[in-house]
Protein backbone atom coordinates (compact mmCIF):
# COMPACT_ATOMS: atom_id res chain seq x y z
CA MET A 1 140.15 192.07 -96.03
CA GLY A 2 136.84 190.18 -96.11
CA ALA A 3 135.78 187.19 -98.15
CA GLU A 4 135.41 187.89 -101.84
CA SER A 5 131.88 187.69 -103.25
CA PHE A 6 131.16 186.03 -106.60
CA ARG A 7 128.33 185.94 -109.10
CA ASN A 8 127.85 183.30 -111.77
CA LYS A 9 127.84 184.23 -115.44
CA ALA A 10 126.89 181.89 -118.30
CA VAL A 11 129.64 181.69 -120.93
CA ASP A 12 130.37 179.90 -124.21
CA VAL A 13 133.00 177.17 -123.92
CA ILE A 14 134.49 174.86 -126.50
CA CYS A 15 135.61 171.64 -124.86
CA GLN A 16 136.94 168.27 -125.84
CA ILE A 17 135.20 165.21 -124.44
CA ASN A 18 137.53 162.25 -124.31
CA LYS A 19 136.50 158.63 -124.85
CA ASP A 20 136.68 158.05 -121.09
CA GLY A 21 134.13 160.85 -120.55
CA THR A 22 136.54 163.42 -119.15
CA MET A 23 136.22 167.02 -120.36
CA VAL A 24 138.99 169.36 -121.42
CA PRO A 25 138.01 173.05 -121.73
CA MET A 26 139.82 174.52 -124.73
CA LYS A 27 138.37 177.99 -125.44
CA VAL A 28 136.10 180.39 -123.60
CA ARG A 29 134.21 183.35 -125.05
CA LEU A 30 133.69 186.32 -122.72
CA VAL A 31 132.29 189.83 -123.03
CA ASP A 32 134.95 192.41 -122.12
CA GLU A 33 134.55 195.74 -120.30
CA ASP A 34 133.65 197.45 -123.60
CA GLY A 35 130.88 194.94 -124.35
CA LEU A 36 132.90 193.23 -127.10
CA ILE A 37 133.00 189.45 -127.38
CA GLN A 38 136.52 188.08 -126.92
CA THR A 39 137.67 184.46 -127.37
CA TYR A 40 140.47 183.17 -125.17
CA MET A 41 142.47 179.96 -125.58
CA ILE A 42 142.74 178.05 -122.33
CA LYS A 43 146.49 177.60 -121.87
CA ALA A 44 146.28 175.27 -118.86
CA TYR A 45 143.55 173.83 -116.66
CA ARG A 46 143.10 171.91 -113.45
CA ASP A 47 140.14 169.57 -113.07
CA LEU A 48 138.80 170.18 -109.56
CA SER A 49 136.06 167.54 -109.70
CA HIS A 50 138.34 164.87 -108.22
CA LYS A 51 137.83 166.44 -104.79
CA GLY A 52 134.29 165.04 -104.51
CA ASN A 53 131.62 167.36 -103.10
CA PHE A 54 133.12 170.69 -102.02
CA GLN A 55 132.26 174.37 -101.85
CA MET A 56 133.93 176.56 -104.46
CA PRO A 57 135.01 180.14 -103.66
CA ASN A 58 131.82 181.49 -105.24
CA GLY A 59 129.63 179.42 -102.89
CA VAL A 60 128.55 176.82 -105.46
CA ILE A 61 128.68 173.28 -104.07
CA ALA A 62 130.44 171.09 -106.64
CA THR A 63 128.72 167.71 -106.84
CA SER A 64 128.77 164.79 -109.23
CA THR A 65 126.76 166.91 -111.71
CA ILE A 66 128.93 170.05 -111.46
CA PHE A 67 132.39 169.84 -113.01
CA PRO A 68 134.69 172.68 -111.89
CA PHE A 69 137.88 173.73 -113.69
CA GLU A 70 140.54 176.24 -112.75
CA CYS A 71 141.81 177.63 -116.07
CA LYS A 72 144.62 179.93 -117.18
CA ILE A 73 144.07 182.36 -120.03
CA THR A 74 146.27 185.13 -121.43
CA ASN A 75 144.99 188.64 -122.08
CA PHE A 76 147.36 191.28 -123.50
CA GLY A 77 150.37 189.23 -122.39
CA ARG A 78 149.15 188.82 -118.79
CA GLU A 79 148.11 185.45 -117.41
CA HIS A 80 144.79 185.25 -115.57
CA THR A 81 143.25 182.39 -113.62
CA ILE A 82 139.51 181.86 -114.02
CA LEU A 83 137.08 179.39 -112.45
CA LEU A 84 134.77 177.66 -114.94
CA TYR A 85 132.26 174.96 -114.16
CA TYR A 86 129.90 172.84 -116.17
CA HIS A 87 126.38 172.05 -114.89
CA ALA A 88 125.58 168.63 -116.37
CA ASN A 89 121.88 168.84 -115.40
CA LEU A 90 121.44 172.31 -116.94
CA HIS A 91 123.89 171.76 -119.85
CA VAL A 92 125.52 175.15 -119.27
CA TRP A 93 129.01 176.46 -118.58
CA GLN A 94 129.39 179.21 -116.00
CA LEU A 95 132.18 181.52 -114.95
CA ALA A 96 132.68 182.62 -111.34
CA VAL A 97 133.04 186.40 -111.57
CA PRO A 98 134.22 188.41 -108.54
CA GLU A 99 131.70 191.08 -107.66
CA LYS A 100 132.90 194.60 -107.19
CA PRO A 101 132.53 195.71 -103.58
CA SER A 102 129.49 197.85 -102.98
CA GLY A 103 129.46 200.92 -100.82
CA PRO A 104 131.31 204.20 -100.89
CA SER A 105 134.28 204.36 -103.24
CA GLY A 106 137.41 206.32 -102.67
CA SER A 107 137.58 207.78 -106.18
């Protein structure tokens, strides 16, 4: 199985900014497969910015102006892990979305 390919998608995020400047993502709003807007509570998160500069699975290099978070959300009783990151220079939140493989399908 080859490396998974990702695209970046801008999303709405509600976050808490603590007095020490740290961010806590609390909710994310995504468009589902039917084109409907869904809001998900972030049940748990891991701040990945402590690693310094590093390459995330979607190819984005996290620097001092990109704050990556691994977040857990629940959808229809199933837990999902998503990768969110905040671009401080652009003032936008983005979601790393796995791209569907291109080419012939077996269906």
